Amino acid sequence: MMNDKEKASVIEAMYRAARDPREWGAALAMIRVALHASAIALIGAGAKGGSPISLHDGLPEECLTSHQKFFQLKYYALLSSNHKGKDPCIVITSDKRTQYHQDYDFYDKHAEMLARFGYQYSLCAKLCDAGCGDTFVEIFWQEPLAPDCQPRFRAFREIHPHLERALQISRRLEERAAYKAAIWDFMGYSPHGVIALGPDQEIIHANKEARRILDQADGIEERKGRLALGSRSASRKLYDLTSHGAEKKGNGDPAANLSMVIRRPSSRLPFVLMVMPKQLPAATLGCNAPVAFLFLRDLDRQLDISIAAFSKAYQ
């Protein structure tokens, strides 16, 4: 039914979609084609009952809406007893003949829905996710159920763990991206300059106030994507602070050990720069390098610290 090369391609497509949600449509299409199915859909809701998941390929919108209603009524929760160590799949036919009979009401209603949209049978499976809420995949066929369909079911059972894991990864990455975007958005309204700095002094992110300071090129500036200070001694101190941090000495103020004054060639009041006391550590297996956060204050400028300025971050 599905040879090793086809299976590898499908699995690769699923993990590609895990990294880039825009690829989920292509991944579902590959699964549908590999199983000679008419349609496939992921049924479920977002974290804590949020907006419904509506990823599908080949499924009429009206049919998808009906399935979402089924999910909201928790009919799909009946599939949970056939997962983790057991067969994760349930076959439902349009003539109400099913391989399981725990709840006739659920299967009868589901069979009626299949018949209404011209499907002969479907394969349902639960995709577990304790953190974001479980999802269900359903694959639909318009041809009658026959003994030669068993290879299709076996093929899906082989890729099912990968689909479950890929969806978990995708949801976690999307969650982290949302948190990151919220943090950058909030920092954008800070009256102080905020810079996220990589290990080679490359500027990963700078808010509006930091950009204003860098554009002045008055003792601190951006050169070819990296942060540059006006003197070698200042550059060396900044590198030490961002690379190794500052050790606490006695009962002194730790902020003083993590701060430096940047003199300005224009003879205006200097900038005060403070490094975030604790760097974000590099991931053990990830590709992200450590990031240090710098906070810049322009002593020559009166800051807007009104409540209205910060309230914009919540609009």
C-alpha atoms as a PDB file:
ATOM      1  CA  MET A   1       0.000   0.000   0.000  1.00  0.00           C
ATOM      2  CA  MET A   2       2.654   2.509   1.083  1.00  0.00           C
ATOM      3  CA  ASN A   3       6.272   1.558   0.446  1.00  0.00           C
ATOM      4  CA  ASP A   4       9.150   2.661   2.657  1.00  0.00           C
ATOM      5  CA  LYS A   5      10.096   5.554   0.377  1.00  0.00           C
ATOM      6  CA  GLU A   6       6.546   6.946   0.364  1.00  0.00           C
ATOM      7  CA  LYS A   7       6.269   6.532   4.125  1.00  0.00           C
ATOM      8  CA  ALA A   8       9.565   8.366   4.645  1.00  0.00           C
ATOM      9  CA  SER A   9       8.363  11.222   2.430  1.00  0.00           C
ATOM     10  CA  VAL A  10       5.101  11.534   4.366  1.00  0.00           C
ATOM     11  CA  ILE A  11       6.891  11.514   7.730  1.00  0.00           C
ATOM     12  CA  GLU A  12       9.381  14.105   6.482  1.00  0.00           C
ATOM     13  CA  ALA A  13       6.494  16.322   5.337  1.00  0.00           C
ATOM     14  CA  MET A  14       4.844  16.090   8.766  1.00  0.00           C
ATOM     15  CA  TYR A  15       7.983  17.155  10.625  1.00  0.00           C
ATOM     16  CA  ARG A  16       8.528  19.917   8.080  1.00  0.00           C
ATOM     17  CA  ALA A  17       5.038  21.142   8.955  1.00  0.00           C
ATOM     18  CA  ALA A  18       5.944  20.928  12.640  1.00  0.00           C
ATOM     19  CA  ARG A  19       8.560  23.625  12.024  1.00  0.00           C
ATOM     20  CA  ASP A  20       6.437  25.696   9.642  1.00  0.00           C
ATOM     21  CA  PRO A  21       2.632  25.645  10.159  1.00  0.00           C
ATOM     22  CA  ARG A  22       2.144  26.805   6.570  1.00  0.00           C
ATOM     23  CA  GLU A  23       3.247  23.328   5.460  1.00  0.00           C
ATOM     24  CA  TRP A  24       0.420  21.472   7.211  1.00  0.00           C
ATOM     25  CA  GLY A  25      -1.837  21.674   4.171  1.00  0.00           C
ATOM     26  CA  ALA A  26       0.795  19.975   2.016  1.00  0.00           C
ATOM     27  CA  ALA A  27       1.488  17.346   4.690  1.00  0.00           C
ATOM     28  CA  LEU A  28      -2.191  16.428   5.023  1.00  0.00           C
ATOM     29  CA  ALA A  29      -2.503  16.253   1.237  1.00  0.00           C
ATOM     30  CA  MET A  30       0.426  13.803   1.111  1.00  0.00           C
ATOM     31  CA  ILE A  31      -1.217  11.595   3.746  1.00  0.00           C
ATOM     32  CA  ARG A  32      -4.513  11.653   1.847  1.00  0.00           C
ATOM     33  CA  VAL A  33      -2.883  10.739  -1.471  1.00  0.00           C
ATOM     34  CA  ALA A  34      -0.691   8.020   0.075  1.00  0.00           C
ATOM     35  CA  LEU A  35      -3.769   6.359   1.618  1.00  0.00           C
ATOM     36  CA  HIS A  36      -5.911   6.850  -1.523  1.00  0.00           C
ATOM     37  CA  ALA A  37      -8.429   8.753   0.598  1.00  0.00           C
ATOM     38  CA  SER A  38     -11.008  11.331  -0.440  1.00  0.00           C
ATOM     39  CA  ALA A  39     -10.400  13.774   2.415  1.00  0.00           C
ATOM     40  CA  ILE A  40      -8.568  14.241   5.704  1.00  0.00           C
ATOM     41  CA  ALA A  41      -9.137  16.640   8.599  1.00  0.00           C
ATOM     42  CA  LEU A  42      -7.711  17.508  11.994  1.00  0.00           C
ATOM     43  CA  ILE A  43     -10.592  18.060  14.391  1.00  0.00           C
ATOM     44  CA  GLY A  44     -10.154  19.793  17.718  1.00  0.00           C
ATOM     45  CA  ALA A  45      -9.819  23.022  19.627  1.00  0.00           C
ATOM     46  CA  GLY A  46      -6.924  25.176  20.666  1.00  0.00           C
ATOM     47  CA  ALA A  47      -5.420  25.258  24.143  1.00  0.00           C
ATOM     48  CA  LYS A  48      -8.030  25.512  26.925  1.00  0.00           C
ATOM     49  CA  GLY A  49     -10.897  25.313  24.462  1.00  0.00           C
ATOM     50  CA  GLY A  50      -9.686  28.142  22.255  1.00  0.00           C
ATOM     51  CA  SER A  51     -10.371  28.655  18.572  1.00  0.00           C
ATOM     52  CA  PRO A  52     -11.071  25.386  16.706  1.00  0.00           C
ATOM     53  CA  ILE A  53      -8.430  23.701  14.583  1.00  0.00           C
ATOM     54  CA  SER A  54      -9.576  23.560  10.976  1.00  0.00           C
ATOM     55  CA  LEU A  55      -6.715  21.948   9.076  1.00  0.00           C
ATOM     56  CA  HIS A  56      -8.022  19.720   6.305  1.00  0.00           C
ATOM     57  CA  ASP A  57      -7.570  18.636   2.712  1.00  0.00           C
ATOM     58  CA  GLY A  58     -10.414  17.757   0.360  1.00  0.00           C
ATOM     59  CA  LEU A  59     -13.173  18.148   2.950  1.00  0.00           C
ATOM     60  CA  PRO A  60     -16.217  20.345   2.151  1.00  0.00           C
ATOM     61  CA  GLU A  61     -16.546  23.276   4.531  1.00  0.00           C
ATOM     62  CA  GLU A  62     -20.059  22.210   5.553  1.00  0.00           C
ATOM     63  CA  CYS A  63     -18.768  18.774   6.526  1.00  0.00           C
ATOM     64  CA  LEU A  64     -15.938  20.305   8.546  1.00  0.00           C
ATOM     65  CA  THR A  65     -18.443  22.496  10.410  1.00  0.00           C
ATOM     66  CA  SER A  66     -20.502  19.424  11.298  1.00  0.00           C
ATOM     67  CA  HIS A  67     -17.431  17.666  12.636  1.00  0.00           C
ATOM     68  CA  GLN A  68     -16.489  20.681  14.738  1.00  0.00           C
ATOM     69  CA  LYS A  69     -19.951  20.535  16.308  1.00  0.00           C
ATOM     70  CA  PHE A  70     -19.357  16.870  17.069  1.00  0.00           C
ATOM     71  CA  PHE A  71     -16.121  17.792  18.794  1.00  0.00           C
ATOM     72  CA  GLN A  72     -17.788  20.504  20.875  1.00  0.00           C
ATOM     73  CA  LEU A  73     -20.339  17.925  22.015  1.00  0.00           C
ATOM     74  CA  LYS A  74     -17.393  15.738  23.101  1.00  0.00           C
ATOM     75  CA  TYR A  75     -18.382  12.817  20.880  1.00  0.00           C
ATOM     76  CA  TYR A  76     -14.765  12.394  19.833  1.00  0.00           C
ATOM     77  CA  ALA A  77     -13.740  11.913  23.465  1.00  0.00           C
ATOM     78  CA  LEU A  78     -15.123   8.379  23.180  1.00  0.00           C
ATOM     79  CA  LEU A  79     -12.087   7.477  21.095  1.00  0.00           C
ATOM     80  CA  SER A  80      -9.731   7.952  24.052  1.00  0.00           C
ATOM     81  CA  SER A  81     -10.164   4.396  25.341  1.00  0.00           C
ATOM     82  CA  ASN A  82      -8.522   3.051  22.190  1.00  0.00           C
ATOM     83  CA  HIS A  83      -5.180   4.797  22.476  1.00  0.00           C
ATOM     84  CA  LYS A  84      -1.777   4.422  24.125  1.00  0.00           C
ATOM     85  CA  GLY A  85      -0.865   0.775  24.005  1.00  0.00           C
ATOM     86  CA  LYS A  86      -3.979  -0.192  22.077  1.00  0.00           C
ATOM     87  CA  ASP A  87      -5.181   0.291  18.534  1.00  0.00           C
ATOM     88  CA  PRO A  88      -5.504   4.098  18.169  1.00  0.00           C
ATOM     89  CA  CYS A  89      -7.892   3.828  15.222  1.00  0.00           C
ATOM     90  CA  ILE A  90     -11.630   3.337  14.885  1.00  0.00           C
ATOM     91  CA  VAL A  91     -13.372   2.648  11.584  1.00  0.00           C
ATOM     92  CA  ILE A  92     -16.877   4.059  11.121  1.00  0.00           C
ATOM     93  CA  THR A  93     -19.051   3.164   8.131  1.00  0.00           C
ATOM     94  CA  SER A  94     -22.010   5.011   6.666  1.00  0.00           C
ATOM     95  CA  ASP A  95     -24.273   1.947   7.101  1.00  0.00           C
ATOM     96  CA  LYS A  96     -23.686   1.973  10.891  1.00  0.00           C
ATOM     97  CA  ARG A  97     -21.603  -1.237  10.925  1.00  0.00           C
ATOM     98  CA  THR A  98     -18.628  -0.494  13.165  1.00  0.00           C
ATOM     99  CA  GLN A  99     -15.873  -2.524  14.745  1.00  0.00           C
ATOM    100  CA  TYR A 100     -16.633  -1.074  18.202  1.00  0.00           C
ATOM    101  CA  HIS A 101     -19.986  -0.718  19.927  1.00  0.00           C
ATOM    102  CA  GLN A 102     -19.373   1.159  23.176  1.00  0.00           C
ATOM    103  CA  ASP A 103     -21.776   3.950  22.272  1.00  0.00           C
ATOM    104  CA  TYR A 104     -24.358   3.335  19.570  1.00  0.00           C
ATOM    105  CA  ASP A 105     -25.620   6.915  19.664  1.00  0.00           C
ATOM    106  CA  PHE A 106     -22.217   8.316  18.715  1.00  0.00           C
ATOM    107  CA  TYR A 107     -21.603   5.881  15.885  1.00  0.00           C
ATOM    108  CA  ASP A 108     -25.138   6.155  14.497  1.00  0.00           C
ATOM    109  CA  LYS A 109     -24.914   9.950  14.365  1.00  0.00           C
ATOM    110  CA  HIS A 110     -21.456   9.808  12.844  1.00  0.00           C
ATOM    111  CA  ALA A 111     -22.587   7.264  10.252  1.00  0.00           C
ATOM    112  CA  GLU A 112     -25.497   9.499   9.280  1.00  0.00           C
ATOM    113  CA  MET A 113     -23.108  12.403   8.827  1.00  0.00           C
ATOM    114  CA  LEU A 114     -20.809  10.332   6.594  1.00  0.00           C
ATOM    115  CA  ALA A 115     -23.728   9.248   4.421  1.00  0.00           C
ATOM    116  CA  ARG A 116     -24.999  12.815   4.119  1.00  0.00           C
ATOM    117  CA  PHE A 117     -21.699  13.953   2.588  1.00  0.00           C
ATOM    118  CA  GLY A 118     -21.194  10.916   0.345  1.00  0.00           C
ATOM    119  CA  TYR A 119     -18.519   9.056   2.331  1.00  0.00           C
ATOM    120  CA  GLN A 120     -18.684   5.274   2.744  1.00  0.00           C
ATOM    121  CA  TYR A 121     -16.391   5.025   5.757  1.00  0.00           C
ATOM    122  CA  SER A 122     -13.816   6.918   7.782  1.00  0.00           C
ATOM    123  CA  LEU A 123     -10.854   6.168  10.004  1.00  0.00           C
ATOM    124  CA  CYS A 124     -10.680   8.145  13.272  1.00  0.00           C
ATOM    125  CA  ALA A 125      -7.698   8.396  15.606  1.00  0.00           C
ATOM    126  CA  LYS A 126      -6.845  10.449  18.655  1.00  0.00           C
ATOM    127  CA  LEU A 127      -3.712  12.640  18.717  1.00  0.00           C
ATOM    128  CA  CYS A 128      -2.804  13.072  22.380  1.00  0.00           C
ATOM    129  CA  ASP A 129      -1.490  16.359  23.746  1.00  0.00           C
ATOM    130  CA  ALA A 130      -1.734  16.849  27.498  1.00  0.00           C
ATOM    131  CA  GLY A 131      -0.557  20.458  27.340  1.00  0.00           C
ATOM    132  CA  CYS A 132      -2.669  21.910  24.529  1.00  0.00           C
ATOM    133  CA  GLY A 133      -5.663  19.592  24.413  1.00  0.00           C
ATOM    134  CA  ASP A 134      -6.215  16.458  22.357  1.00  0.00           C
ATOM    135  CA  THR A 135      -6.889  16.565  18.633  1.00  0.00           C
ATOM    136  CA  PHE A 136      -8.462  13.971  16.363  1.00  0.00           C
ATOM    137  CA  VAL A 137      -7.598  13.060  12.816  1.00  0.00           C
ATOM    138  CA  GLU A 138     -10.266  11.626  10.551  1.00  0.00           C
ATOM    139  CA  ILE A 139      -9.667  10.245   7.068  1.00  0.00           C
ATOM    140  CA  PHE A 140     -12.573   9.751   4.653  1.00  0.00           C
ATOM    141  CA  TRP A 141     -13.170   7.402   1.712  1.00  0.00           C
ATOM    142  CA  GLN A 142     -15.995   7.472  -0.833  1.00  0.00           C
ATOM    143  CA  GLU A 143     -15.530   3.859  -1.929  1.00  0.00           C
ATOM    144  CA  PRO A 144     -17.108   0.943   0.000  1.00  0.00           C
ATOM    145  CA  LEU A 145     -15.211  -0.684   2.843  1.00  0.00           C
ATOM    146  CA  ALA A 146     -13.575  -3.926   1.666  1.00  0.00           C
ATOM    147  CA  PRO A 147     -11.018  -6.433   3.003  1.00  0.00           C
ATOM    148  CA  ASP A 148      -8.329  -4.957   0.757  1.00  0.00           C
ATOM    149  CA  CYS A 149      -8.595  -1.704   2.759  1.00  0.00           C
ATOM    150  CA  GLN A 150      -6.655  -3.217   5.653  1.00  0.00           C
ATOM    151  CA  PRO A 151      -3.222  -2.253   4.204  1.00  0.00           C
ATOM    152  CA  ARG A 152      -4.365   1.385   4.305  1.00  0.00           C
ATOM    153  CA  PHE A 153      -5.192   1.094   7.983  1.00  0.00           C
ATOM    154  CA  ARG A 154      -1.850  -0.569   8.728  1.00  0.00           C
ATOM    155  CA  ALA A 155      -0.025   2.171   6.837  1.00  0.00           C
ATOM    156  CA  PHE A 156      -1.777   4.865   8.855  1.00  0.00           C
ATOM    157  CA  ARG A 157      -1.034   3.097  12.144  1.00  0.00           C
ATOM    158  CA  GLU A 158       2.659   3.235  11.228  1.00  0.00           C
ATOM    159  CA  ILE A 159       2.678   6.998  10.639  1.00  0.00           C
ATOM    160  CA  HIS A 160       0.223   7.831  13.452  1.00  0.00           C
ATOM    161  CA  PRO A 161       2.913   8.316  16.189  1.00  0.00           C
ATOM    162  CA  HIS A 162       4.802  10.709  13.907  1.00  0.00           C
ATOM    163  CA  LEU A 163       1.663  12.721  13.149  1.00  0.00           C
ATOM    164  CA  GLU A 164       0.912  12.956  16.860  1.00  0.00           C
ATOM    165  CA  ARG A 165       4.448  14.090  17.706  1.00  0.00           C
ATOM    166  CA  ALA A 166       4.695  16.540  14.795  1.00  0.00           C
ATOM    167  CA  LEU A 167       1.466  18.224  15.857  1.00  0.00           C
ATOM    168  CA  GLN A 168       2.725  18.509  19.448  1.00  0.00           C
ATOM    169  CA  ILE A 169       5.950  20.146  18.234  1.00  0.00           C
ATOM    170  CA  SER A 170       4.044  22.501  15.943  1.00  0.00           C
ATOM    171  CA  ARG A 171       1.764  23.681  18.733  1.00  0.00           C
ATOM    172  CA  ARG A 172       4.654  24.217  21.164  1.00  0.00           C
ATOM    173  CA  LEU A 173       6.632  26.248  18.628  1.00  0.00           C
ATOM    174  CA  GLU A 174       3.574  28.343  17.814  1.00  0.00           C
ATOM    175  CA  GLU A 175       3.033  28.945  21.531  1.00  0.00           C
ATOM    176  CA  ARG A 176       6.651  30.057  22.023  1.00  0.00           C
ATOM    177  CA  ALA A 177       6.452  32.346  18.988  1.00  0.00           C
ATOM    178  CA  ALA A 178       3.333  33.994  20.426  1.00  0.00           C
ATOM    179  CA  TYR A 179       5.072  34.571  23.772  1.00  0.00           C
ATOM    180  CA  LYS A 180       8.108  36.024  22.009  1.00  0.00           C
ATOM    181  CA  ALA A 181       5.967  38.357  19.901  1.00  0.00           C
ATOM    182  CA  ALA A 182       4.131  39.554  23.018  1.00  0.00           C
ATOM    183  CA  ILE A 183       7.423  40.300  24.792  1.00  0.00           C
ATOM    184  CA  TRP A 184       8.812  42.243  21.821  1.00  0.00           C
ATOM    185  CA  ASP A 185       5.548  44.155  21.532  1.00  0.00           C
ATOM    186  CA  PHE A 186       5.648  45.127  25.198  1.00  0.00           C
ATOM    187  CA  MET A 187       9.318  46.137  25.010  1.00  0.00           C
ATOM    188  CA  GLY A 188       8.530  48.277  22.006  1.00  0.00           C
ATOM    189  CA  TYR A 189       6.653  50.697  24.266  1.00  0.00           C
ATOM    190  CA  SER A 190       9.369  50.867  26.928  1.00  0.00           C
ATOM    191  CA  PRO A 191      10.663  54.427  27.487  1.00  0.00           C
ATOM    192  CA  HIS A 192      14.162  52.933  27.726  1.00  0.00           C
ATOM    193  CA  GLY A 193      16.147  51.424  24.902  1.00  0.00           C
ATOM    194  CA  VAL A 194      16.054  47.616  24.905  1.00  0.00           C
ATOM    195  CA  ILE A 195      18.430  45.515  22.806  1.00  0.00           C
ATOM    196  CA  ALA A 196      18.633  41.726  22.519  1.00  0.00           C
ATOM    197  CA  LEU A 197      22.274  40.930  21.830  1.00  0.00           C
ATOM    198  CA  GLY A 198      23.789  37.684  20.533  1.00  0.00           C
ATOM    199  CA  PRO A 199      27.146  36.201  21.630  1.00  0.00           C
ATOM    200  CA  ASP A 200      29.032  37.925  18.791  1.00  0.00           C
ATOM    201  CA  GLN A 201      27.513  41.309  19.630  1.00  0.00           C
ATOM    202  CA  GLU A 202      24.982  40.940  16.811  1.00  0.00           C
ATOM    203  CA  ILE A 203      21.762  42.871  17.340  1.00  0.00           C
ATOM    204  CA  ILE A 204      18.866  40.415  17.348  1.00  0.00           C
ATOM    205  CA  HIS A 205      16.203  42.939  18.248  1.00  0.00           C
ATOM    206  CA  ALA A 206      16.064  46.617  19.227  1.00  0.00           C
ATOM    207  CA  ASN A 207      13.010  48.601  20.237  1.00  0.00           C
ATOM    208  CA  LYS A 208      12.122  52.079  18.971  1.00  0.00           C
ATOM    209  CA  GLU A 209      14.059  53.992  21.636  1.00  0.00           C
ATOM    210  CA  ALA A 210      17.158  51.839  21.135  1.00  0.00           C
ATOM    211  CA  ARG A 211      16.999  52.473  17.388  1.00  0.00           C
ATOM    212  CA  ARG A 212      16.821  56.208  18.013  1.00  0.00           C
ATOM    213  CA  ILE A 213      19.963  56.024  20.154  1.00  0.00           C
ATOM    214  CA  LEU A 214      21.839  53.821  17.682  1.00  0.00           C
ATOM    215  CA  ASP A 215      20.946  56.079  14.754  1.00  0.00           C
ATOM    216  CA  GLN A 216      22.622  59.013  16.505  1.00  0.00           C
ATOM    217  CA  ALA A 217      25.966  57.135  16.422  1.00  0.00           C
ATOM    218  CA  ASP A 218      27.051  59.173  19.424  1.00  0.00           C
ATOM    219  CA  GLY A 219      29.227  56.744  21.397  1.00  0.00           C
ATOM    220  CA  ILE A 220      27.131  53.691  20.548  1.00  0.00           C
ATOM    221  CA  GLU A 221      25.952  52.549  17.130  1.00  0.00           C
ATOM    222  CA  GLU A 222      25.228  49.621  14.849  1.00  0.00           C
ATOM    223  CA  ARG A 223      27.918  48.509  12.402  1.00  0.00           C
ATOM    224  CA  LYS A 224      27.125  45.722   9.960  1.00  0.00           C
ATOM    225  CA  GLY A 225      24.444  44.338  12.247  1.00  0.00           C
ATOM    226  CA  ARG A 226      26.624  44.400  15.370  1.00  0.00           C
ATOM    227  CA  LEU A 227      26.715  46.712  18.359  1.00  0.00           C
ATOM    228  CA  ALA A 228      29.760  48.977  18.432  1.00  0.00           C
ATOM    229  CA  LEU A 229      30.937  51.397  21.126  1.00  0.00           C
ATOM    230  CA  GLY A 230      33.128  54.460  20.728  1.00  0.00           C
ATOM    231  CA  SER A 231      36.225  53.138  22.523  1.00  0.00           C
ATOM    232  CA  ARG A 232      38.053  49.825  22.799  1.00  0.00           C
ATOM    233  CA  SER A 233      37.899  49.819  26.586  1.00  0.00           C
ATOM    234  CA  ALA A 234      34.121  50.311  26.526  1.00  0.00           C
ATOM    235  CA  SER A 235      33.725  47.591  23.894  1.00  0.00           C
ATOM    236  CA  ARG A 236      35.845  45.202  25.971  1.00  0.00           C
ATOM    237  CA  LYS A 237      33.793  45.857  29.103  1.00  0.00           C
ATOM    238  CA  LEU A 238      30.527  45.344  27.240  1.00  0.00           C
ATOM    239  CA  TYR A 239      31.821  42.075  25.797  1.00  0.00           C
ATOM    240  CA  ASP A 240      32.792  40.857  29.273  1.00  0.00           C
ATOM    241  CA  LEU A 241      29.390  41.755  30.690  1.00  0.00           C
ATOM    242  CA  THR A 242      27.405  40.112  27.909  1.00  0.00           C
ATOM    243  CA  SER A 243      29.646  37.057  27.602  1.00  0.00           C
ATOM    244  CA  HIS A 244      30.312  36.195  31.233  1.00  0.00           C
ATOM    245  CA  GLY A 245      28.111  38.470  33.316  1.00  0.00           C
ATOM    246  CA  ALA A 246      29.336  40.198  36.447  1.00  0.00           C
ATOM    247  CA  GLU A 247      30.115  38.438  39.686  1.00  0.00           C
ATOM    248  CA  LYS A 248      28.567  39.701  42.879  1.00  0.00           C
ATOM    249  CA  LYS A 249      31.103  41.193  45.218  1.00  0.00           C
ATOM    250  CA  GLY A 250      30.193  41.261  48.877  1.00  0.00           C
ATOM    251  CA  ASN A 251      26.895  42.941  49.643  1.00  0.00           C
ATOM    252  CA  GLY A 252      27.238  45.493  46.880  1.00  0.00           C
ATOM    253  CA  ASP A 253      24.497  46.383  44.449  1.00  0.00           C
ATOM    254  CA  PRO A 254      24.571  43.725  41.681  1.00  0.00           C
ATOM    255  CA  ALA A 255      23.109  46.262  39.246  1.00  0.00           C
ATOM    256  CA  ALA A 256      26.239  48.391  39.661  1.00  0.00           C
ATOM    257  CA  ASN A 257      28.387  45.464  38.549  1.00  0.00           C
ATOM    258  CA  LEU A 258      26.219  45.018  35.470  1.00  0.00           C
ATOM    259  CA  SER A 259      26.131  48.653  34.405  1.00  0.00           C
ATOM    260  CA  MET A 260      28.424  50.939  32.486  1.00  0.00           C
ATOM    261  CA  VAL A 261      28.446  54.565  31.420  1.00  0.00           C
ATOM    262  CA  ILE A 262      28.937  55.317  27.734  1.00  0.00           C
ATOM    263  CA  ARG A 263      30.589  58.678  27.076  1.00  0.00           C
ATOM    264  CA  ARG A 264      29.396  60.636  24.068  1.00  0.00           C
ATOM    265  CA  PRO A 265      31.746  62.423  21.632  1.00  0.00           C
ATOM    266  CA  SER A 266      29.158  65.203  21.385  1.00  0.00           C
ATOM    267  CA  SER A 267      29.796  66.044  25.084  1.00  0.00           C
ATOM    268  CA  ARG A 268      26.109  65.619  25.852  1.00  0.00           C
ATOM    269  CA  LEU A 269      25.044  63.718  28.953  1.00  0.00           C
ATOM    270  CA  PRO A 270      26.117  60.058  28.684  1.00  0.00           C
ATOM    271  CA  PHE A 271      24.115  56.893  28.161  1.00  0.00           C
ATOM    272  CA  VAL A 272      23.730  54.416  31.009  1.00  0.00           C
ATOM    273  CA  LEU A 273      23.750  50.793  29.885  1.00  0.00           C
ATOM    274  CA  MET A 274      22.713  47.857  32.062  1.00  0.00           C
ATOM    275  CA  VAL A 275      22.964  44.192  31.145  1.00  0.00           C
ATOM    276  CA  MET A 276      20.213  41.828  32.211  1.00  0.00           C
ATOM    277  CA  PRO A 277      21.568  40.122  35.375  1.00  0.00           C
ATOM    278  CA  LYS A 278      21.035  36.632  34.009  1.00  0.00           C
ATOM    279  CA  GLN A 279      21.554  35.627  30.412  1.00  0.00           C
ATOM    280  CA  LEU A 280      19.181  33.317  28.618  1.00  0.00           C
ATOM    281  CA  PRO A 281      21.075  30.014  28.422  1.00  0.00           C
ATOM    282  CA  ALA A 282      21.779  28.240  25.174  1.00  0.00           C
ATOM    283  CA  ALA A 283      19.546  25.236  24.533  1.00  0.00           C
ATOM    284  CA  THR A 284      21.185  21.834  24.975  1.00  0.00           C
ATOM    285  CA  LEU A 285      19.975  20.505  21.631  1.00  0.00           C
ATOM    286  CA  GLY A 286      18.611  23.645  20.008  1.00  0.00           C
ATOM    287  CA  CYS A 287      20.386  25.952  17.604  1.00  0.00           C
ATOM    288  CA  ASN A 288      19.768  29.155  19.546  1.00  0.00           C
ATOM    289  CA  ALA A 289      22.794  30.865  21.082  1.00  0.00           C
ATOM    290  CA  PRO A 290      22.738  32.714  24.436  1.00  0.00           C
ATOM    291  CA  VAL A 291      21.048  36.110  24.356  1.00  0.00           C
ATOM    292  CA  ALA A 292      21.791  39.069  26.623  1.00  0.00           C
ATOM    293  CA  PHE A 293      19.357  41.946  27.093  1.00  0.00           C
ATOM    294  CA  LEU A 294      20.718  45.480  27.296  1.00  0.00           C
ATOM    295  CA  PHE A 295      18.792  48.406  28.755  1.00  0.00           C
ATOM    296  CA  LEU A 296      19.845  51.866  27.575  1.00  0.00           C
ATOM    297  CA  ARG A 297      18.945  55.129  29.247  1.00  0.00           C
ATOM    298  CA  ASP A 298      19.626  58.459  27.592  1.00  0.00           C
ATOM    299  CA  LEU A 299      20.321  60.914  30.441  1.00  0.00           C
ATOM    300  CA  ASP A 300      20.076  63.808  28.000  1.00  0.00           C
ATOM    301  CA  ARG A 301      16.452  63.070  27.165  1.00  0.00           C
ATOM    302  CA  GLN A 302      13.355  63.502  29.289  1.00  0.00           C
ATOM    303  CA  LEU A 303      11.494  60.215  29.218  1.00  0.00           C
ATOM    304  CA  ASP A 304       7.789  59.734  28.678  1.00  0.00           C
ATOM    305  CA  ILE A 305       6.917  57.486  31.599  1.00  0.00           C
ATOM    306  CA  SER A 306       3.215  58.214  31.608  1.00  0.00           C
ATOM    307  CA  ILE A 307       0.667  55.482  32.130  1.00  0.00           C
ATOM    308  CA  ALA A 308      -0.674  56.234  28.655  1.00  0.00           C
ATOM    309  CA  ALA A 309       2.663  55.296  27.084  1.00  0.00           C
ATOM    310  CA  PHE A 310       2.647  51.835  28.643  1.00  0.00           C
ATOM    311  CA  SER A 311      -1.079  51.274  28.145  1.00  0.00           C
ATOM    312  CA  LYS A 312      -0.463  51.074  24.385  1.00  0.00           C
ATOM    313  CA  ALA A 313       1.177  47.698  24.958  1.00  0.00           C
ATOM    314  CA  TYR A 314      -2.178  46.276  26.038  1.00  0.00           C
ATOM    315  CA  GLN A 315      -4.260  47.601  23.152  1.00  0.00           C
END
